Amino acid sequence: MSHVTYRIVEHDGGWAYKVGETFSETFPNHDSAKAAAVRAAREQKVSDQNAMIEYADVNGDWVTERADGHDRPETDVEG
């Protein structure tokens, strides 16, 4: 099973969460960014639901793909 860590970081004049090299939208404060990261981490662990996901890759290109609902990662939030 894979593992995903959401890190809370200062970004673009505010706060964001970061997974790998990808940033979320910018939030006005740390608490808002952390709450969003906790929600995203919790939602990512929901099993038994296939879904289409969209994300920006390391080149900034948007990727849409099908996520298998049975293949859910372990998640945590740092920061």
C-alpha atoms as a PDB file:
ATOM      1  CA  MET A   1       0.000   0.000   0.000  1.00  0.00           C
ATOM      2  CA  SER A   2       1.271   3.477  -0.827  1.00  0.00           C
ATOM      3  CA  HIS A   3       1.609   6.370   1.607  1.00  0.00           C
ATOM      4  CA  VAL A   4       0.768  10.039   0.984  1.00  0.00           C
ATOM      5  CA  THR A   5       1.865  12.868   3.280  1.00  0.00           C
ATOM      6  CA  TYR A   6       0.211  16.280   3.110  1.00  0.00           C
ATOM      7  CA  ARG A   7       2.642  18.963   4.341  1.00  0.00           C
ATOM      8  CA  ILE A   8       1.451  22.417   5.451  1.00  0.00           C
ATOM      9  CA  VAL A   9       3.785  25.098   4.036  1.00  0.00           C
ATOM     10  CA  GLU A  10       3.939  28.836   3.473  1.00  0.00           C
ATOM     11  CA  HIS A  11       3.098  29.517  -0.159  1.00  0.00           C
ATOM     12  CA  ASP A  12       2.291  32.485  -2.395  1.00  0.00           C
ATOM     13  CA  GLY A  13       1.671  34.956   0.435  1.00  0.00           C
ATOM     14  CA  GLY A  14      -0.368  32.527   2.526  1.00  0.00           C
ATOM     15  CA  TRP A  15      -0.458  28.838   3.403  1.00  0.00           C
ATOM     16  CA  ALA A  16      -1.030  25.682   1.370  1.00  0.00           C
ATOM     17  CA  TYR A  17      -0.690  21.961   1.643  1.00  0.00           C
ATOM     18  CA  LYS A  18       1.820  20.201  -0.527  1.00  0.00           C
ATOM     19  CA  VAL A  19       1.926  16.606  -1.752  1.00  0.00           C
ATOM     20  CA  GLY A  20       5.220  15.775  -3.394  1.00  0.00           C
ATOM     21  CA  GLU A  21       6.007  18.859  -5.470  1.00  0.00           C
ATOM     22  CA  THR A  22       2.354  19.853  -5.992  1.00  0.00           C
ATOM     23  CA  PHE A  23       0.747  22.702  -4.030  1.00  0.00           C
ATOM     24  CA  SER A  24      -2.910  23.152  -3.174  1.00  0.00           C
ATOM     25  CA  GLU A  25      -4.634  26.469  -3.569  1.00  0.00           C
ATOM     26  CA  THR A  26      -3.416  29.191  -1.184  1.00  0.00           C
ATOM     27  CA  PHE A  27      -5.269  29.704   2.099  1.00  0.00           C
ATOM     28  CA  PRO A  28      -5.167  32.856   4.250  1.00  0.00           C
ATOM     29  CA  ASN A  29      -3.816  31.097   7.350  1.00  0.00           C
ATOM     30  CA  HIS A  30      -2.217  27.909   8.625  1.00  0.00           C
ATOM     31  CA  ASP A  31      -5.384  26.592  10.257  1.00  0.00           C
ATOM     32  CA  SER A  32      -7.390  26.850   7.033  1.00  0.00           C
ATOM     33  CA  ALA A  33      -4.681  25.064   5.046  1.00  0.00           C
ATOM     34  CA  LYS A  34      -4.425  22.316   7.665  1.00  0.00           C
ATOM     35  CA  ALA A  35      -8.201  21.824   7.769  1.00  0.00           C
ATOM     36  CA  ALA A  36      -8.248  21.481   3.968  1.00  0.00           C
ATOM     37  CA  ALA A  37      -5.356  18.999   4.071  1.00  0.00           C
ATOM     38  CA  VAL A  38      -7.094  16.909   6.732  1.00  0.00           C
ATOM     39  CA  ARG A  39     -10.273  16.846   4.605  1.00  0.00           C
ATOM     40  CA  ALA A  40      -8.317  15.877   1.471  1.00  0.00           C
ATOM     41  CA  ALA A  41      -6.394  13.158   3.328  1.00  0.00           C
ATOM     42  CA  ARG A  42      -9.606  11.763   4.826  1.00  0.00           C
ATOM     43  CA  GLU A  43     -11.395  11.775   1.459  1.00  0.00           C
ATOM     44  CA  GLN A  44      -8.469  10.044  -0.222  1.00  0.00           C
ATOM     45  CA  LYS A  45      -8.812   7.093   2.159  1.00  0.00           C
ATOM     46  CA  VAL A  46     -12.496   6.440   1.400  1.00  0.00           C
ATOM     47  CA  SER A  47     -12.681   2.981  -0.111  1.00  0.00           C
ATOM     48  CA  ASP A  48     -15.029   1.122  -2.433  1.00  0.00           C
ATOM     49  CA  GLN A  49     -15.727   4.128  -4.650  1.00  0.00           C
ATOM     50  CA  ASN A  50     -14.151   4.448  -8.064  1.00  0.00           C
ATOM     51  CA  ALA A  51     -13.692   8.074  -9.107  1.00  0.00           C
ATOM     52  CA  MET A  52     -12.240  10.265 -11.785  1.00  0.00           C
ATOM     53  CA  ILE A  53      -9.457  12.434 -10.348  1.00  0.00           C
ATOM     54  CA  GLU A  54      -7.709  15.476 -11.745  1.00  0.00           C
ATOM     55  CA  TYR A  55      -4.337  16.855 -10.696  1.00  0.00           C
ATOM     56  CA  ALA A  56      -1.400  18.866 -11.989  1.00  0.00           C
ATOM     57  CA  ASP A  57       1.738  16.849 -12.672  1.00  0.00           C
ATOM     58  CA  VAL A  58       5.301  18.067 -12.039  1.00  0.00           C
ATOM     59  CA  ASN A  59       5.266  19.911 -15.386  1.00  0.00           C
ATOM     60  CA  GLY A  60       2.064  21.771 -14.497  1.00  0.00           C
ATOM     61  CA  ASP A  61      -0.020  19.760 -16.977  1.00  0.00           C
ATOM     62  CA  TRP A  62      -3.480  18.658 -15.824  1.00  0.00           C
ATOM     63  CA  VAL A  63      -4.032  14.909 -15.753  1.00  0.00           C
ATOM     64  CA  THR A  64      -7.416  13.190 -15.472  1.00  0.00           C
ATOM     65  CA  GLU A  65      -7.496   9.514 -14.584  1.00  0.00           C
ATOM     66  CA  ARG A  66      -9.672   6.861 -13.017  1.00  0.00           C
ATOM     67  CA  ALA A  67      -8.817   5.992  -9.424  1.00  0.00           C
ATOM     68  CA  ASP A  68      -9.657   2.473  -8.294  1.00  0.00           C
ATOM     69  CA  GLY A  69     -11.655   2.709  -5.065  1.00  0.00           C
ATOM     70  CA  HIS A  70     -10.042  -0.426  -3.709  1.00  0.00           C
ATOM     71  CA  ASP A  71      -6.494   0.915  -4.020  1.00  0.00           C
ATOM     72  CA  ARG A  72      -6.434   3.609  -1.322  1.00  0.00           C
ATOM     73  CA  PRO A  73      -3.235   4.930   0.267  1.00  0.00           C
ATOM     74  CA  GLU A  74      -2.369   5.509   3.885  1.00  0.00           C
ATOM     75  CA  THR A  75      -2.372   9.280   4.535  1.00  0.00           C
ATOM     76  CA  ASP A  76      -1.149  11.734   7.140  1.00  0.00           C
ATOM     77  CA  VAL A  77      -0.826  15.503   7.593  1.00  0.00           C
ATOM     78  CA  GLU A  78       2.347  17.233   8.849  1.00  0.00           C
ATOM     79  CA  GLY A  79       2.744  20.821   9.925  1.00  0.00           C
END
